Amino acid sequence: MILDFEPGDKVYNPSAKEWGIGQVQSVIKDKVTVNFENVGKKVINSNNIELKKINDKN
């Protein structure tokens, strides 16, 4: 699986929307570190949790 995330991308977890919007801090193999507005920093295993990218382009 190739992840389409880069540091700085804005994302959310559709299965835990209460976490709020997060900003990708780093991507190492299948682990994505995200700093979420409501729950702080989480290390996400992309094999178990699917993050959705927020498109900031208008």
PDB file of N, CA and C in Angstrom:
ATOM      1  N   MET A   1       0.846  -1.192   0.000  1.00  0.00           N
ATOM      2  CA  MET A   1       0.000   0.000   0.000  1.00  0.00           C
ATOM      3  C   MET A   1       0.885   1.246   0.000  1.00  0.00           C
ATOM      4  N   ILE A   2       0.611   2.140  -0.889  1.00  0.00           N
ATOM      5  CA  ILE A   2       1.330   3.412  -0.938  1.00  0.00           C
ATOM      6  C   ILE A   2       0.433   4.476  -0.329  1.00  0.00           C
ATOM      7  N   LEU A   3       0.946   5.150   0.682  1.00  0.00           N
ATOM      8  CA  LEU A   3       0.155   6.177   1.352  1.00  0.00           C
ATOM      9  C   LEU A   3       0.328   7.506   0.639  1.00  0.00           C
ATOM     10  N   ASP A   4      -0.771   8.205   0.482  1.00  0.00           N
ATOM     11  CA  ASP A   4      -0.761   9.485  -0.207  1.00  0.00           C
ATOM     12  C   ASP A   4      -0.828  10.632   0.803  1.00  0.00           C
ATOM     13  N   PHE A   5      -0.007  10.536   1.841  1.00  0.00           N
ATOM     14  CA  PHE A   5       0.037  11.580   2.864  1.00  0.00           C
ATOM     15  C   PHE A   5       1.437  12.150   2.954  1.00  0.00           C
ATOM     16  N   GLU A   6       1.497  13.453   3.203  1.00  0.00           N
ATOM     17  CA  GLU A   6       2.767  14.131   3.416  1.00  0.00           C
ATOM     18  C   GLU A   6       2.634  14.976   4.674  1.00  0.00           C
ATOM     19  N   PRO A   7       3.751  15.233   5.363  1.00  0.00           N
ATOM     20  CA  PRO A   7       3.677  16.125   6.521  1.00  0.00           C
ATOM     21  C   PRO A   7       3.019  17.449   6.146  1.00  0.00           C
ATOM     22  N   GLY A   8       2.095  17.881   6.999  1.00  0.00           N
ATOM     23  CA  GLY A   8       1.365  19.115   6.757  1.00  0.00           C
ATOM     24  C   GLY A   8      -0.039  18.891   6.224  1.00  0.00           C
ATOM     25  N   ASP A   9      -0.299  17.700   5.662  1.00  0.00           N
ATOM     26  CA  ASP A   9      -1.641  17.405   5.159  1.00  0.00           C
ATOM     27  C   ASP A   9      -2.641  17.421   6.305  1.00  0.00           C
ATOM     28  N   LYS A  10      -3.848  17.893   6.015  1.00  0.00           N
ATOM     29  CA  LYS A  10      -4.947  17.881   6.982  1.00  0.00           C
ATOM     30  C   LYS A  10      -5.789  16.626   6.720  1.00  0.00           C
ATOM     31  N   VAL A  11      -6.102  15.898   7.797  1.00  0.00           N
ATOM     32  CA  VAL A  11      -6.830  14.637   7.681  1.00  0.00           C
ATOM     33  C   VAL A  11      -7.863  14.518   8.803  1.00  0.00           C
ATOM     34  N   TYR A  12      -8.742  13.530   8.669  1.00  0.00           N
ATOM     35  CA  TYR A  12      -9.632  13.161   9.760  1.00  0.00           C
ATOM     36  C   TYR A  12      -9.831  11.656   9.735  1.00  0.00           C
ATOM     37  N   ASN A  13     -10.282  11.122  10.861  1.00  0.00           N
ATOM     38  CA  ASN A  13     -10.553   9.702  10.990  1.00  0.00           C
ATOM     39  C   ASN A  13     -12.064   9.520  10.914  1.00  0.00           C
ATOM     40  N   PRO A  14     -12.586   8.968   9.807  1.00  0.00           N
ATOM     41  CA  PRO A  14     -14.036   8.849   9.653  1.00  0.00           C
ATOM     42  C   PRO A  14     -14.695   8.008  10.743  1.00  0.00           C
ATOM     43  N   SER A  15     -13.959   7.079  11.343  1.00  0.00           N
ATOM     44  CA  SER A  15     -14.543   6.241  12.391  1.00  0.00           C
ATOM     45  C   SER A  15     -14.431   6.880  13.774  1.00  0.00           C
ATOM     46  N   ALA A  16     -13.741   8.038  13.881  1.00  0.00           N
ATOM     47  CA  ALA A  16     -13.627   8.758  15.155  1.00  0.00           C
ATOM     48  C   ALA A  16     -13.618  10.260  14.871  1.00  0.00           C
ATOM     49  N   LYS A  17     -14.731  10.753  14.320  1.00  0.00           N
ATOM     50  CA  LYS A  17     -14.802  12.163  13.935  1.00  0.00           C
ATOM     51  C   LYS A  17     -14.645  13.104  15.123  1.00  0.00           C
ATOM     52  N   GLU A  18     -14.934  12.603  16.337  1.00  0.00           N
ATOM     53  CA  GLU A  18     -14.775  13.436  17.530  1.00  0.00           C
ATOM     54  C   GLU A  18     -13.313  13.810  17.789  1.00  0.00           C
ATOM     55  N   TRP A  19     -12.360  13.123  17.141  1.00  0.00           N
ATOM     56  CA  TRP A  19     -10.951  13.494  17.268  1.00  0.00           C
ATOM     57  C   TRP A  19     -10.693  14.857  16.638  1.00  0.00           C
ATOM     58  N   GLY A  20     -11.544  15.264  15.696  1.00  0.00           N
ATOM     59  CA  GLY A  20     -11.370  16.535  15.009  1.00  0.00           C
ATOM     60  C   GLY A  20     -10.420  16.410  13.837  1.00  0.00           C
ATOM     61  N   ILE A  21     -10.022  17.548  13.332  1.00  0.00           N
ATOM     62  CA  ILE A  21      -9.099  17.606  12.199  1.00  0.00           C
ATOM     63  C   ILE A  21      -7.686  17.421  12.717  1.00  0.00           C
ATOM     64  N   GLY A  22      -6.907  16.670  11.976  1.00  0.00           N
ATOM     65  CA  GLY A  22      -5.521  16.428  12.355  1.00  0.00           C
ATOM     66  C   GLY A  22      -4.566  16.881  11.274  1.00  0.00           C
ATOM     67  N   GLN A  23      -3.336  17.125  11.689  1.00  0.00           N
ATOM     68  CA  GLN A  23      -2.287  17.483  10.734  1.00  0.00           C
ATOM     69  C   GLN A  23      -1.225  16.396  10.773  1.00  0.00           C
ATOM     70  N   VAL A  24      -0.901  15.863   9.595  1.00  0.00           N
ATOM     71  CA  VAL A  24       0.109  14.810   9.492  1.00  0.00           C
ATOM     72  C   VAL A  24       1.464  15.380   9.903  1.00  0.00           C
ATOM     73  N   GLN A  25       2.127  14.684  10.824  1.00  0.00           N
ATOM     74  CA  GLN A  25       3.451  15.076  11.285  1.00  0.00           C
ATOM     75  C   GLN A  25       4.548  14.294  10.552  1.00  0.00           C
ATOM     76  N   SER A  26       4.319  12.983  10.381  1.00  0.00           N
ATOM     77  CA  SER A  26       5.307  12.158   9.688  1.00  0.00           C
ATOM     78  C   SER A  26       4.643  10.901   9.143  1.00  0.00           C
ATOM     79  N   VAL A  27       5.284  10.307   8.144  1.00  0.00           N
ATOM     80  CA  VAL A  27       4.833   9.052   7.554  1.00  0.00           C
ATOM     81  C   VAL A  27       6.052   8.146   7.458  1.00  0.00           C
ATOM     82  N   ILE A  28       6.000   7.020   8.164  1.00  0.00           N
ATOM     83  CA  ILE A  28       7.095   6.046   8.121  1.00  0.00           C
ATOM     84  C   ILE A  28       6.474   4.682   7.861  1.00  0.00           C
ATOM     85  N   LYS A  29       6.729   4.156   6.680  1.00  0.00           N
ATOM     86  CA  LYS A  29       6.131   2.902   6.208  1.00  0.00           C
ATOM     87  C   LYS A  29       4.622   3.007   6.320  1.00  0.00           C
ATOM     88  N   ASP A  30       3.980   2.159   7.132  1.00  0.00           N
ATOM     89  CA  ASP A  30       2.515   2.188   7.236  1.00  0.00           C
ATOM     90  C   ASP A  30       2.032   2.920   8.483  1.00  0.00           C
ATOM     91  N   LYS A  31       2.930   3.651   9.142  1.00  0.00           N
ATOM     92  CA  LYS A  31       2.582   4.414  10.343  1.00  0.00           C
ATOM     93  C   LYS A  31       2.526   5.904  10.017  1.00  0.00           C
ATOM     94  N   VAL A  32       1.394   6.514  10.353  1.00  0.00           N
ATOM     95  CA  VAL A  32       1.197   7.944  10.112  1.00  0.00           C
ATOM     96  C   VAL A  32       1.010   8.610  11.469  1.00  0.00           C
ATOM     97  N   THR A  33       1.883   9.545  11.807  1.00  0.00           N
ATOM     98  CA  THR A  33       1.742  10.302  13.051  1.00  0.00           C
ATOM     99  C   THR A  33       0.956  11.568  12.745  1.00  0.00           C
ATOM    100  N   VAL A  34      -0.157  11.738  13.492  1.00  0.00           N
ATOM    101  CA  VAL A  34      -1.073  12.847  13.248  1.00  0.00           C
ATOM    102  C   VAL A  34      -1.342  13.563  14.567  1.00  0.00           C
ATOM    103  N   ASN A  35      -1.315  14.886  14.529  1.00  0.00           N
ATOM    104  CA  ASN A  35      -1.669  15.693  15.697  1.00  0.00           C
ATOM    105  C   ASN A  35      -3.107  16.172  15.504  1.00  0.00           C
ATOM    106  N   PHE A  36      -4.036  15.561  16.272  1.00  0.00           N
ATOM    107  CA  PHE A  36      -5.457  15.890  16.167  1.00  0.00           C
ATOM    108  C   PHE A  36      -5.812  17.006  17.136  1.00  0.00           C
ATOM    109  N   GLU A  37      -6.779  17.863  16.738  1.00  0.00           N
ATOM    110  CA  GLU A  37      -7.144  19.029  17.540  1.00  0.00           C
ATOM    111  C   GLU A  37      -7.791  18.667  18.872  1.00  0.00           C
ATOM    112  N   ASN A  38      -8.493  17.535  18.964  1.00  0.00           N
ATOM    113  CA  ASN A  38      -9.209  17.207  20.194  1.00  0.00           C
ATOM    114  C   ASN A  38      -8.553  16.133  21.051  1.00  0.00           C
ATOM    115  N   VAL A  39      -7.657  15.343  20.476  1.00  0.00           N
ATOM    116  CA  VAL A  39      -7.065  14.232  21.237  1.00  0.00           C
ATOM    117  C   VAL A  39      -5.540  14.221  21.196  1.00  0.00           C
ATOM    118  N   GLY A  40      -4.943  15.201  20.546  1.00  0.00           N
ATOM    119  CA  GLY A  40      -3.484  15.276  20.507  1.00  0.00           C
ATOM    120  C   GLY A  40      -2.870  14.326  19.494  1.00  0.00           C
ATOM    121  N   LYS A  41      -1.643  13.929  19.757  1.00  0.00           N
ATOM    122  CA  LYS A  41      -0.861  13.149  18.801  1.00  0.00           C
ATOM    123  C   LYS A  41      -1.234  11.673  18.860  1.00  0.00           C
ATOM    124  N   LYS A  42      -1.464  11.102  17.693  1.00  0.00           N
ATOM    125  CA  LYS A  42      -1.776   9.683  17.554  1.00  0.00           C
ATOM    126  C   LYS A  42      -0.894   9.097  16.466  1.00  0.00           C
ATOM    127  N   VAL A  43      -0.422   7.880  16.697  1.00  0.00           N
ATOM    128  CA  VAL A  43       0.289   7.138  15.660  1.00  0.00           C
ATOM    129  C   VAL A  43      -0.715   6.148  15.080  1.00  0.00           C
ATOM    130  N   ILE A  44      -1.020   6.326  13.815  1.00  0.00           N
ATOM    131  CA  ILE A  44      -2.056   5.551  13.140  1.00  0.00           C
ATOM    132  C   ILE A  44      -1.412   4.468  12.284  1.00  0.00           C
ATOM    133  N   ASN A  45      -1.854   3.225  12.475  1.00  0.00           N
ATOM    134  CA  ASN A  45      -1.436   2.147  11.584  1.00  0.00           C
ATOM    135  C   ASN A  45      -2.406   2.146  10.416  1.00  0.00           C
ATOM    136  N   SER A  46      -1.926   2.497   9.245  1.00  0.00           N
ATOM    137  CA  SER A  46      -2.805   2.658   8.087  1.00  0.00           C
ATOM    138  C   SER A  46      -3.402   1.331   7.613  1.00  0.00           C
ATOM    139  N   ASN A  47      -2.893   0.212   8.127  1.00  0.00           N
ATOM    140  CA  ASN A  47      -3.497  -1.078   7.798  1.00  0.00           C
ATOM    141  C   ASN A  47      -4.786  -1.294   8.590  1.00  0.00           C
ATOM    142  N   ASN A  48      -4.939  -0.577   9.715  1.00  0.00           N
ATOM    143  CA  ASN A  48      -6.097  -0.763  10.592  1.00  0.00           C
ATOM    144  C   ASN A  48      -7.083   0.394  10.539  1.00  0.00           C
ATOM    145  N   ILE A  49      -6.604   1.601  10.294  1.00  0.00           N
ATOM    146  CA  ILE A  49      -7.448   2.799  10.295  1.00  0.00           C
ATOM    147  C   ILE A  49      -7.234   3.551   8.996  1.00  0.00           C
ATOM    148  N   GLU A  50      -8.330   3.878   8.334  1.00  0.00           N
ATOM    149  CA  GLU A  50      -8.233   4.626   7.081  1.00  0.00           C
ATOM    150  C   GLU A  50      -8.481   6.105   7.357  1.00  0.00           C
ATOM    151  N   LEU A  51      -7.471   6.907   7.124  1.00  0.00           N
ATOM    152  CA  LEU A  51      -7.604   8.361   7.261  1.00  0.00           C
ATOM    153  C   LEU A  51      -8.095   8.953   5.953  1.00  0.00           C
ATOM    154  N   LYS A  52      -8.848  10.024   6.053  1.00  0.00           N
ATOM    155  CA  LYS A  52      -9.314  10.734   4.871  1.00  0.00           C
ATOM    156  C   LYS A  52      -8.633  12.105   4.829  1.00  0.00           C
ATOM    157  N   LYS A  53      -8.119  12.438   3.660  1.00  0.00           N
ATOM    158  CA  LYS A  53      -7.460  13.733   3.482  1.00  0.00           C
ATOM    159  C   LYS A  53      -8.502  14.819   3.253  1.00  0.00           C
ATOM    160  N   ILE A  54      -8.285  15.970   3.864  1.00  0.00           N
ATOM    161  CA  ILE A  54      -9.144  17.135   3.653  1.00  0.00           C
ATOM    162  C   ILE A  54      -8.494  17.972   2.573  1.00  0.00           C
ATOM    163  N   ASN A  55      -9.253  18.239   1.533  1.00  0.00           N
ATOM    164  CA  ASN A  55      -8.720  19.009   0.414  1.00  0.00           C
ATOM    165  C   ASN A  55      -8.892  20.500   0.694  1.00  0.00           C
ATOM    166  N   ASP A  56      -7.774  21.195   0.910  1.00  0.00           N
ATOM    167  CA  ASP A  56      -7.802  22.624   1.224  1.00  0.00           C
ATOM    168  C   ASP A  56      -7.923  23.497  -0.016  1.00  0.00           C
ATOM    169  N   LYS A  57      -7.790  22.889  -1.196  1.00  0.00           N
ATOM    170  CA  LYS A  57      -7.807  23.696  -2.422  1.00  0.00           C
ATOM    171  C   LYS A  57      -9.232  24.120  -2.732  1.00  0.00           C
ATOM    172  N   ASN A  58      -9.412  25.404  -3.015  1.00  0.00           N
ATOM    173  CA  ASN A  58     -10.757  25.924  -3.325  1.00  0.00           C
ATOM    174  C   ASN A  58     -10.935  26.080  -4.814  1.00  0.00           C
TER     175      ASN A  58
END
